Amino acid sequence: MTDDYYILRLPEVLKARGRSKPSHYEDIQNGLFTRPVLLGGRSVGWPEAEVRAINQARIAGKTEDQIRDLVAQLETMRRAAS
């Protein structure tokens, strides 16, 4: 599904990124991936469009600083949409 509002759960995100769970959360801590969206209780997910944008940046060979800038932009857009 390629809907910008589709929320991917952690197993889907890890598969899409090819990363382990600890590496994924380390990337979040280092500003290299967006923070999760709280879905309720202990459930979280990530907007598919954000996962896609970050993956495309990595494939394009963007630097970590460029990816941090992208993550900041995505999180700003997320806040502005609410």
N, C-alpha and C. Protein backbone atom coordinates (compact mmCIF):
# COMPACT_ATOMS: atom_id res chain seq x y z
N MET A 1 0.85 -1.18 0.00
CA MET A 1 0.00 0.00 0.00
C MET A 1 0.89 1.24 0.00
N THR A 2 0.56 2.26 -0.77
CA THR A 2 1.40 3.45 -0.86
C THR A 2 0.65 4.71 -0.45
N ASP A 3 -0.27 4.59 0.44
CA ASP A 3 -1.02 5.74 0.94
C ASP A 3 -0.15 6.50 1.94
N ASP A 4 -0.06 7.82 1.76
CA ASP A 4 0.77 8.64 2.65
C ASP A 4 0.34 8.57 4.10
N TYR A 5 -0.87 8.14 4.37
CA TYR A 5 -1.36 8.09 5.74
C TYR A 5 -1.38 6.68 6.31
N TYR A 6 -0.81 5.75 5.60
CA TYR A 6 -0.74 4.37 6.06
C TYR A 6 0.35 4.29 7.12
N ILE A 7 0.05 3.68 8.25
CA ILE A 7 0.99 3.54 9.35
C ILE A 7 1.58 2.14 9.34
N LEU A 8 2.90 2.09 9.29
CA LEU A 8 3.60 0.81 9.33
C LEU A 8 3.98 0.49 10.77
N ARG A 9 3.76 -0.74 11.17
CA ARG A 9 4.18 -1.18 12.50
C ARG A 9 5.65 -1.57 12.44
N LEU A 10 6.25 -1.74 13.61
CA LEU A 10 7.69 -1.97 13.72
C LEU A 10 8.21 -3.11 12.84
N PRO A 11 7.59 -4.29 12.84
CA PRO A 11 8.15 -5.36 11.97
C PRO A 11 8.21 -4.96 10.50
N GLU A 12 7.21 -4.23 10.01
CA GLU A 12 7.21 -3.78 8.62
C GLU A 12 8.32 -2.76 8.37
N VAL A 13 8.52 -1.86 9.34
CA VAL A 13 9.56 -0.84 9.20
C VAL A 13 10.93 -1.49 9.19
N LEU A 14 11.16 -2.41 10.11
CA LEU A 14 12.45 -3.09 10.15
C LEU A 14 12.73 -3.84 8.86
N LYS A 15 11.73 -4.49 8.33
CA LYS A 15 11.88 -5.21 7.06
C LYS A 15 12.18 -4.24 5.92
N ALA A 16 11.45 -3.13 5.88
CA ALA A 16 11.64 -2.15 4.81
C ALA A 16 13.03 -1.51 4.88
N ARG A 17 13.56 -1.36 6.09
CA ARG A 17 14.85 -0.71 6.28
C ARG A 17 16.01 -1.69 6.26
N GLY A 18 15.76 -2.95 6.50
CA GLY A 18 16.84 -3.92 6.60
C GLY A 18 17.70 -3.70 7.83
N ARG A 19 17.08 -3.25 8.91
CA ARG A 19 17.79 -2.94 10.15
C ARG A 19 17.25 -3.80 11.28
N SER A 20 18.09 -3.98 12.30
CA SER A 20 17.64 -4.68 13.51
C SER A 20 16.89 -3.68 14.39
N LYS A 21 16.15 -4.20 15.35
CA LYS A 21 15.41 -3.34 16.27
C LYS A 21 16.35 -2.41 17.04
N PRO A 22 17.45 -2.92 17.63
CA PRO A 22 18.35 -2.00 18.34
C PRO A 22 18.95 -0.92 17.43
N SER A 23 19.31 -1.30 16.21
CA SER A 23 19.88 -0.32 15.26
C SER A 23 18.84 0.72 14.88
N HIS A 24 17.61 0.28 14.70
CA HIS A 24 16.53 1.20 14.35
C HIS A 24 16.33 2.25 15.44
N TYR A 25 16.27 1.81 16.68
CA TYR A 25 16.06 2.76 17.78
C TYR A 25 17.30 3.62 18.02
N GLU A 26 18.48 3.10 17.71
CA GLU A 26 19.70 3.92 17.78
C GLU A 26 19.65 5.02 16.72
N ASP A 27 19.15 4.68 15.53
CA ASP A 27 19.00 5.69 14.47
C ASP A 27 18.04 6.80 14.92
N ILE A 28 16.96 6.44 15.58
CA ILE A 28 16.01 7.44 16.08
C ILE A 28 16.72 8.35 17.07
N GLN A 29 17.45 7.75 17.99
CA GLN A 29 18.17 8.52 19.01
C GLN A 29 19.20 9.46 18.38
N ASN A 30 19.80 9.05 17.28
CA ASN A 30 20.81 9.86 16.61
C ASN A 30 20.24 10.81 15.55
N GLY A 31 18.91 10.89 15.46
CA GLY A 31 18.27 11.80 14.52
C GLY A 31 18.29 11.32 13.09
N LEU A 32 18.53 10.02 12.88
CA LEU A 32 18.59 9.46 11.54
C LEU A 32 17.30 8.78 11.11
N PHE A 33 16.30 8.82 11.96
CA PHE A 33 14.99 8.28 11.62
C PHE A 33 13.95 8.99 12.48
N THR A 34 12.75 9.12 11.95
CA THR A 34 11.69 9.82 12.68
C THR A 34 11.25 9.04 13.91
N ARG A 35 10.75 9.78 14.88
CA ARG A 35 10.21 9.15 16.09
C ARG A 35 8.87 8.48 15.75
N PRO A 36 8.49 7.48 16.51
CA PRO A 36 7.24 6.78 16.22
C PRO A 36 6.02 7.62 16.55
N VAL A 37 4.92 7.24 15.93
CA VAL A 37 3.60 7.81 16.20
C VAL A 37 2.93 6.90 17.21
N LEU A 38 2.43 7.46 18.29
CA LEU A 38 1.73 6.67 19.29
C LEU A 38 0.34 6.31 18.76
N LEU A 39 0.06 5.00 18.75
CA LEU A 39 -1.23 4.52 18.24
C LEU A 39 -2.20 4.19 19.37
N GLY A 40 -1.70 4.18 20.58
CA GLY A 40 -2.54 3.86 21.73
C GLY A 40 -1.89 2.77 22.55
N GLY A 41 -1.97 2.91 23.85
CA GLY A 41 -1.34 1.93 24.72
C GLY A 41 0.14 1.88 24.45
N ARG A 42 0.64 0.70 24.17
CA ARG A 42 2.06 0.54 23.85
C ARG A 42 2.30 0.36 22.36
N SER A 43 1.32 0.67 21.56
CA SER A 43 1.42 0.51 20.11
C SER A 43 1.97 1.76 19.44
N VAL A 44 2.96 1.56 18.58
CA VAL A 44 3.51 2.67 17.81
C VAL A 44 3.66 2.25 16.35
N GLY A 45 3.84 3.22 15.50
CA GLY A 45 4.06 2.97 14.09
C GLY A 45 4.70 4.18 13.44
N TRP A 46 4.99 4.08 12.15
CA TRP A 46 5.62 5.16 11.40
C TRP A 46 4.84 5.36 10.11
N PRO A 47 4.60 6.62 9.71
CA PRO A 47 3.94 6.87 8.43
C PRO A 47 4.78 6.29 7.29
N GLU A 48 4.12 5.57 6.41
CA GLU A 48 4.81 4.93 5.31
C GLU A 48 5.58 5.92 4.46
N ALA A 49 5.02 7.11 4.26
CA ALA A 49 5.69 8.13 3.44
C ALA A 49 7.03 8.53 4.04
N GLU A 50 7.12 8.57 5.38
CA GLU A 50 8.38 8.93 6.03
C GLU A 50 9.41 7.81 5.85
N VAL A 51 8.98 6.59 6.01
CA VAL A 51 9.88 5.44 5.83
C VAL A 51 10.41 5.44 4.40
N ARG A 52 9.52 5.67 3.46
CA ARG A 52 9.90 5.69 2.05
C ARG A 52 10.89 6.82 1.76
N ALA A 53 10.64 8.02 2.30
CA ALA A 53 11.51 9.17 2.05
C ALA A 53 12.91 8.94 2.61
N ILE A 54 13.00 8.37 3.80
CA ILE A 54 14.30 8.13 4.41
C ILE A 54 15.04 7.03 3.65
N ASN A 55 14.33 5.98 3.25
CA ASN A 55 14.96 4.93 2.46
C ASN A 55 15.47 5.48 1.13
N GLN A 56 14.69 6.33 0.49
CA GLN A 56 15.12 6.91 -0.79
C GLN A 56 16.37 7.77 -0.61
N ALA A 57 16.45 8.50 0.51
CA ALA A 57 17.64 9.31 0.79
C ALA A 57 18.87 8.43 0.96
N ARG A 58 18.71 7.32 1.66
CA ARG A 58 19.84 6.39 1.85
C ARG A 58 20.28 5.80 0.51
N ILE A 59 19.30 5.38 -0.30
CA ILE A 59 19.61 4.80 -1.61
C ILE A 59 20.33 5.82 -2.49
N ALA A 60 19.94 7.09 -2.38
CA ALA A 60 20.55 8.16 -3.17
C ALA A 60 21.94 8.53 -2.67
N GLY A 61 22.36 7.95 -1.55
CA GLY A 61 23.70 8.21 -1.05
C GLY A 61 23.83 9.48 -0.24
N LYS A 62 22.72 9.95 0.32
CA LYS A 62 22.77 11.17 1.15
C LYS A 62 23.64 10.92 2.38
N THR A 63 24.28 11.98 2.86
CA THR A 63 25.11 11.88 4.05
C THR A 63 24.22 11.81 5.29
N GLU A 64 24.82 11.43 6.41
CA GLU A 64 24.05 11.39 7.65
C GLU A 64 23.52 12.77 8.01
N ASP A 65 24.28 13.82 7.78
CA ASP A 65 23.80 15.17 8.06
C ASP A 65 22.60 15.52 7.19
N GLN A 66 22.63 15.12 5.92
CA GLN A 66 21.50 15.37 5.03
C GLN A 66 20.28 14.58 5.48
N ILE A 67 20.50 13.36 5.96
CA ILE A 67 19.38 12.55 6.45
C ILE A 67 18.82 13.15 7.73
N ARG A 68 19.68 13.66 8.60
CA ARG A 68 19.19 14.34 9.81
C ARG A 68 18.32 15.54 9.44
N ASP A 69 18.74 16.30 8.43
CA ASP A 69 17.94 17.44 7.97
C ASP A 69 16.59 16.96 7.44
N LEU A 70 16.60 15.88 6.67
CA LEU A 70 15.35 15.31 6.15
C LEU A 70 14.44 14.88 7.29
N VAL A 71 14.99 14.18 8.28
CA VAL A 71 14.20 13.73 9.43
C VAL A 71 13.58 14.92 10.15
N ALA A 72 14.35 15.99 10.34
CA ALA A 72 13.83 17.20 10.99
C ALA A 72 12.68 17.79 10.17
N GLN A 73 12.84 17.82 8.84
CA GLN A 73 11.78 18.33 7.97
C GLN A 73 10.52 17.47 8.06
N LEU A 74 10.70 16.16 8.05
CA LEU A 74 9.55 15.25 8.12
C LEU A 74 8.80 15.43 9.45
N GLU A 75 9.54 15.57 10.54
CA GLU A 75 8.90 15.74 11.84
C GLU A 75 8.21 17.10 11.94
N THR A 76 8.78 18.12 11.32
CA THR A 76 8.13 19.45 11.28
C THR A 76 6.84 19.37 10.48
N MET A 77 6.88 18.68 9.34
CA MET A 77 5.67 18.52 8.52
C MET A 77 4.61 17.74 9.28
N ARG A 78 5.03 16.75 10.06
CA ARG A 78 4.08 15.95 10.84
C ARG A 78 3.36 16.83 11.85
N ARG A 79 4.13 17.68 12.55
CA ARG A 79 3.53 18.57 13.55
C ARG A 79 2.60 19.59 12.89
N ALA A 80 3.00 20.11 11.73
CA ALA A 80 2.19 21.11 11.04
C ALA A 80 0.87 20.52 10.54
N ALA A 81 0.86 19.23 10.26
CA ALA A 81 -0.35 18.58 9.74
C ALA A 81 -1.40 18.37 10.83
N SER A 82 -0.98 18.42 12.09
CA SER A 82 -1.95 18.14 13.18
C SER A 82 -2.74 19.36 13.59
